[in-house]
Amino acid sequence: MKERITMRVSGRVQGVYFRAETRSVASRYGLSGTVRNMPDGSVEIVAEGEHDALARLAAWARIGPPAAAVTGHTVQFGKADCGFAGFTIARDGSHG
C-alpha cells in the first residue's frame, strides 16, 4: 500500500545539492514526489511510495548529502493521493 511522507529539513540544506541528491535517492527507491527550497532556508520533501522506501528516504534526509548540516527534521506520514509523476525539483515555491 502506498503512503505519503512530508518532511521539513533545516540547517545548512540550501546550496549544498540537497534537492538534487534527494531526487536521486528518491528515484533510486522508486518514489514519486517533489522537493523544494522554502523561504525560511529549509527544504520540504513530499514523497509517495511504499512505507519501507519512504522510511529509508526519511533516514537519509536526517543526514543529507556530504556538504549539508541537518539540524532539524520533521516527518509526517499520510495517505498517498498518487498526484505525482516521477520525482521532481519544484521551483518558485510550488509543487510539481
N, C-alpha and C. Protein backbone atom coordinates (compact mmCIF):
# COMPACT_ATOMS: atom_id res chain seq x y z
N MET A 1 0.84 -1.18 0.00
CA MET A 1 0.00 0.00 0.00
C MET A 1 0.89 1.24 0.00
N LYS A 2 0.55 2.19 -0.85
CA LYS A 2 1.34 3.41 -0.93
C LYS A 2 0.94 4.40 0.15
N GLU A 3 1.94 5.15 0.59
CA GLU A 3 1.77 6.19 1.59
C GLU A 3 2.42 7.47 1.09
N ARG A 4 2.17 8.55 1.82
CA ARG A 4 2.81 9.84 1.54
C ARG A 4 3.58 10.26 2.78
N ILE A 5 4.74 10.86 2.55
CA ILE A 5 5.52 11.43 3.64
C ILE A 5 5.81 12.89 3.29
N THR A 6 5.67 13.74 4.29
CA THR A 6 6.04 15.15 4.14
C THR A 6 7.10 15.44 5.18
N MET A 7 8.24 15.94 4.71
CA MET A 7 9.36 16.23 5.60
C MET A 7 9.79 17.68 5.44
N ARG A 8 10.26 18.24 6.53
CA ARG A 8 10.88 19.56 6.51
C ARG A 8 12.25 19.38 7.13
N VAL A 9 13.29 19.76 6.40
CA VAL A 9 14.66 19.60 6.85
C VAL A 9 15.28 20.99 6.95
N SER A 10 15.92 21.27 8.09
CA SER A 10 16.53 22.58 8.28
C SER A 10 18.00 22.43 8.66
N GLY A 11 18.68 23.56 8.64
CA GLY A 11 20.12 23.60 8.88
C GLY A 11 20.79 24.14 7.63
N ARG A 12 21.99 23.67 7.35
CA ARG A 12 22.66 24.06 6.10
C ARG A 12 22.21 23.06 5.03
N VAL A 13 21.06 23.37 4.41
CA VAL A 13 20.45 22.45 3.46
C VAL A 13 20.17 23.08 2.10
N GLN A 14 20.41 24.37 1.97
CA GLN A 14 20.26 25.01 0.66
C GLN A 14 21.65 25.37 0.14
N GLY A 15 21.82 25.20 -1.17
CA GLY A 15 23.11 25.49 -1.77
C GLY A 15 24.14 24.39 -1.57
N VAL A 16 23.68 23.20 -1.17
CA VAL A 16 24.60 22.07 -0.93
C VAL A 16 24.14 20.83 -1.70
N TYR A 17 23.38 21.04 -2.76
CA TYR A 17 22.86 19.95 -3.63
C TYR A 17 21.88 19.03 -2.91
N PHE A 18 21.21 19.55 -1.88
CA PHE A 18 20.26 18.74 -1.13
C PHE A 18 19.10 18.30 -2.02
N ARG A 19 18.55 19.23 -2.81
CA ARG A 19 17.41 18.88 -3.66
C ARG A 19 17.80 17.86 -4.72
N ALA A 20 18.93 18.06 -5.38
CA ALA A 20 19.36 17.13 -6.43
C ALA A 20 19.63 15.75 -5.86
N GLU A 21 20.28 15.69 -4.70
CA GLU A 21 20.55 14.39 -4.08
C GLU A 21 19.27 13.73 -3.60
N THR A 22 18.32 14.53 -3.10
CA THR A 22 17.03 13.97 -2.68
C THR A 22 16.32 13.33 -3.87
N ARG A 23 16.31 14.02 -4.99
CA ARG A 23 15.68 13.46 -6.19
C ARG A 23 16.36 12.15 -6.60
N SER A 24 17.66 12.10 -6.55
CA SER A 24 18.41 10.90 -6.91
C SER A 24 18.08 9.74 -5.97
N VAL A 25 18.10 10.00 -4.66
CA VAL A 25 17.81 8.96 -3.68
C VAL A 25 16.37 8.49 -3.81
N ALA A 26 15.44 9.41 -3.92
CA ALA A 26 14.02 9.05 -4.03
C ALA A 26 13.77 8.23 -5.29
N SER A 27 14.37 8.62 -6.38
CA SER A 27 14.20 7.86 -7.63
C SER A 27 14.78 6.46 -7.50
N ARG A 28 15.92 6.34 -6.85
CA ARG A 28 16.53 5.03 -6.63
C ARG A 28 15.62 4.13 -5.80
N TYR A 29 14.86 4.71 -4.88
CA TYR A 29 13.94 3.94 -4.03
C TYR A 29 12.56 3.75 -4.68
N GLY A 30 12.39 4.24 -5.91
CA GLY A 30 11.12 4.07 -6.61
C GLY A 30 10.00 4.98 -6.13
N LEU A 31 10.36 6.13 -5.57
CA LEU A 31 9.38 7.06 -5.03
C LEU A 31 9.03 8.14 -6.04
N SER A 32 7.84 8.70 -5.90
CA SER A 32 7.46 9.87 -6.68
C SER A 32 7.24 11.02 -5.71
N GLY A 33 7.29 12.24 -6.22
CA GLY A 33 7.07 13.39 -5.35
C GLY A 33 7.83 14.60 -5.81
N THR A 34 8.16 15.45 -4.84
CA THR A 34 8.84 16.70 -5.16
C THR A 34 9.66 17.18 -3.96
N VAL A 35 10.65 17.99 -4.25
CA VAL A 35 11.47 18.61 -3.21
C VAL A 35 11.63 20.07 -3.58
N ARG A 36 11.59 20.95 -2.59
CA ARG A 36 11.73 22.38 -2.88
C ARG A 36 12.38 23.13 -1.73
N ASN A 37 13.09 24.21 -2.08
CA ASN A 37 13.61 25.13 -1.08
C ASN A 37 12.47 25.98 -0.55
N MET A 38 12.50 26.25 0.73
CA MET A 38 11.49 27.09 1.36
C MET A 38 12.10 28.46 1.68
N PRO A 39 11.26 29.49 1.75
CA PRO A 39 11.78 30.84 2.02
C PRO A 39 12.54 30.96 3.34
N ASP A 40 12.25 30.12 4.31
CA ASP A 40 12.93 30.20 5.61
C ASP A 40 14.28 29.50 5.63
N GLY A 41 14.73 28.98 4.47
CA GLY A 41 16.03 28.32 4.39
C GLY A 41 15.97 26.81 4.54
N SER A 42 14.79 26.27 4.83
CA SER A 42 14.64 24.83 4.97
C SER A 42 14.33 24.21 3.60
N VAL A 43 14.24 22.89 3.57
CA VAL A 43 13.87 22.15 2.37
C VAL A 43 12.66 21.30 2.73
N GLU A 44 11.66 21.31 1.85
CA GLU A 44 10.47 20.48 2.03
C GLU A 44 10.52 19.33 1.03
N ILE A 45 10.24 18.13 1.52
CA ILE A 45 10.19 16.93 0.68
C ILE A 45 8.81 16.31 0.84
N VAL A 46 8.14 16.07 -0.28
CA VAL A 46 6.87 15.34 -0.29
C VAL A 46 7.07 14.16 -1.22
N ALA A 47 6.90 12.95 -0.69
CA ALA A 47 7.16 11.75 -1.47
C ALA A 47 6.06 10.73 -1.24
N GLU A 48 5.82 9.92 -2.27
CA GLU A 48 4.84 8.84 -2.18
C GLU A 48 5.47 7.54 -2.63
N GLY A 49 5.06 6.46 -1.98
CA GLY A 49 5.54 5.14 -2.33
C GLY A 49 5.31 4.18 -1.20
N GLU A 50 6.04 3.06 -1.24
CA GLU A 50 5.93 2.05 -0.20
C GLU A 50 6.55 2.54 1.11
N HIS A 51 5.97 2.10 2.23
CA HIS A 51 6.39 2.58 3.54
C HIS A 51 7.89 2.40 3.78
N ASP A 52 8.43 1.22 3.46
CA ASP A 52 9.85 0.98 3.71
C ASP A 52 10.75 1.93 2.92
N ALA A 53 10.39 2.20 1.67
CA ALA A 53 11.18 3.12 0.85
C ALA A 53 11.09 4.54 1.40
N LEU A 54 9.91 4.94 1.86
CA LEU A 54 9.74 6.27 2.46
C LEU A 54 10.57 6.38 3.74
N ALA A 55 10.59 5.32 4.54
CA ALA A 55 11.38 5.34 5.78
C ALA A 55 12.87 5.46 5.46
N ARG A 56 13.33 4.81 4.39
CA ARG A 56 14.74 4.93 4.00
C ARG A 56 15.06 6.35 3.56
N LEU A 57 14.13 6.97 2.80
CA LEU A 57 14.34 8.36 2.38
C LEU A 57 14.39 9.27 3.61
N ALA A 58 13.50 9.06 4.56
CA ALA A 58 13.48 9.88 5.78
C ALA A 58 14.79 9.74 6.55
N ALA A 59 15.30 8.51 6.63
CA ALA A 59 16.57 8.28 7.34
C ALA A 59 17.71 8.99 6.61
N TRP A 60 17.72 8.93 5.28
CA TRP A 60 18.76 9.63 4.51
C TRP A 60 18.66 11.14 4.74
N ALA A 61 17.45 11.69 4.75
CA ALA A 61 17.26 13.14 4.87
C ALA A 61 17.72 13.67 6.23
N ARG A 62 17.80 12.82 7.24
CA ARG A 62 18.31 13.26 8.55
C ARG A 62 19.79 13.63 8.47
N ILE A 63 20.47 13.14 7.44
CA ILE A 63 21.90 13.41 7.25
C ILE A 63 22.11 14.26 6.00
N GLY A 64 21.49 13.87 4.88
CA GLY A 64 21.61 14.60 3.63
C GLY A 64 22.93 14.35 2.94
N PRO A 65 23.21 15.13 1.91
CA PRO A 65 24.47 14.98 1.17
C PRO A 65 25.65 15.45 2.01
N PRO A 66 26.87 15.12 1.57
CA PRO A 66 28.08 15.42 2.38
C PRO A 66 28.22 16.87 2.81
N ALA A 67 27.84 17.84 1.99
CA ALA A 67 28.04 19.25 2.34
C ALA A 67 26.95 19.81 3.26
N ALA A 68 25.90 19.04 3.49
CA ALA A 68 24.80 19.51 4.34
C ALA A 68 25.13 19.36 5.81
N ALA A 69 24.43 20.14 6.62
CA ALA A 69 24.49 20.03 8.08
C ALA A 69 23.06 20.14 8.59
N VAL A 70 22.39 19.01 8.71
CA VAL A 70 20.98 18.99 9.12
C VAL A 70 20.90 19.19 10.63
N THR A 71 20.10 20.18 11.04
CA THR A 71 19.91 20.44 12.46
C THR A 71 18.47 20.22 12.90
N GLY A 72 17.55 20.11 11.94
CA GLY A 72 16.14 19.87 12.25
C GLY A 72 15.51 19.00 11.19
N HIS A 73 14.58 18.14 11.62
CA HIS A 73 13.98 17.18 10.69
C HIS A 73 12.61 16.79 11.23
N THR A 74 11.54 17.14 10.50
CA THR A 74 10.20 16.72 10.90
C THR A 74 9.63 15.81 9.82
N VAL A 75 8.83 14.84 10.24
CA VAL A 75 8.26 13.86 9.33
C VAL A 75 6.80 13.64 9.67
N GLN A 76 5.96 13.64 8.63
CA GLN A 76 4.55 13.30 8.79
C GLN A 76 4.19 12.29 7.72
N PHE A 77 3.61 11.16 8.15
CA PHE A 77 3.10 10.16 7.21
C PHE A 77 1.62 10.41 6.99
N GLY A 78 1.15 10.09 5.80
CA GLY A 78 -0.26 10.22 5.48
C GLY A 78 -0.63 9.31 4.33
N LYS A 79 -1.84 9.48 3.85
CA LYS A 79 -2.36 8.68 2.75
C LYS A 79 -1.89 9.27 1.42
N ALA A 80 -1.43 8.41 0.52
CA ALA A 80 -1.00 8.86 -0.81
C ALA A 80 -2.21 9.23 -1.65
N ASP A 81 -2.04 10.25 -2.50
CA ASP A 81 -3.11 10.56 -3.45
C ASP A 81 -2.66 10.35 -4.89
N CYS A 82 -1.44 9.81 -5.05
CA CYS A 82 -0.90 9.46 -6.37
C CYS A 82 -0.93 10.64 -7.33
N GLY A 83 -0.61 11.81 -6.82
CA GLY A 83 -0.66 13.01 -7.63
C GLY A 83 0.66 13.39 -8.28
N PHE A 84 1.66 12.53 -8.23
CA PHE A 84 2.97 12.86 -8.77
C PHE A 84 3.35 11.90 -9.89
N ALA A 85 4.03 12.44 -10.88
CA ALA A 85 4.61 11.63 -11.96
C ALA A 85 6.11 11.75 -11.84
N GLY A 86 6.77 10.75 -11.29
CA GLY A 86 8.20 10.82 -11.08
C GLY A 86 8.55 11.66 -9.87
N PHE A 87 9.82 12.01 -9.75
CA PHE A 87 10.27 12.84 -8.63
C PHE A 87 10.93 14.08 -9.20
N THR A 88 10.44 15.25 -8.82
CA THR A 88 10.90 16.49 -9.42
C THR A 88 11.43 17.47 -8.37
N ILE A 89 12.22 18.41 -8.85
CA ILE A 89 12.64 19.55 -8.05
C ILE A 89 11.70 20.69 -8.39
N ALA A 90 10.93 21.15 -7.41
CA ALA A 90 9.98 22.23 -7.63
C ALA A 90 10.72 23.57 -7.62
N ARG A 91 10.24 24.48 -8.39
CA ARG A 91 10.80 25.83 -8.48
C ARG A 91 9.78 26.85 -8.00
N ASP A 92 10.26 27.98 -7.53
CA ASP A 92 9.40 29.11 -7.17
C ASP A 92 8.34 28.77 -6.13
N GLY A 93 8.66 27.89 -5.19
CA GLY A 93 7.75 27.62 -4.08
C GLY A 93 6.50 26.87 -4.44
N SER A 94 6.45 26.18 -5.58
CA SER A 94 5.24 25.43 -5.94
C SER A 94 5.57 23.97 -6.13
N HIS A 95 4.61 23.11 -5.86
CA HIS A 95 4.81 21.67 -6.08
C HIS A 95 4.60 21.36 -7.54
N GLY A 96 5.33 20.35 -8.01
CA GLY A 96 5.07 19.87 -9.35
C GLY A 96 6.16 20.11 -10.33
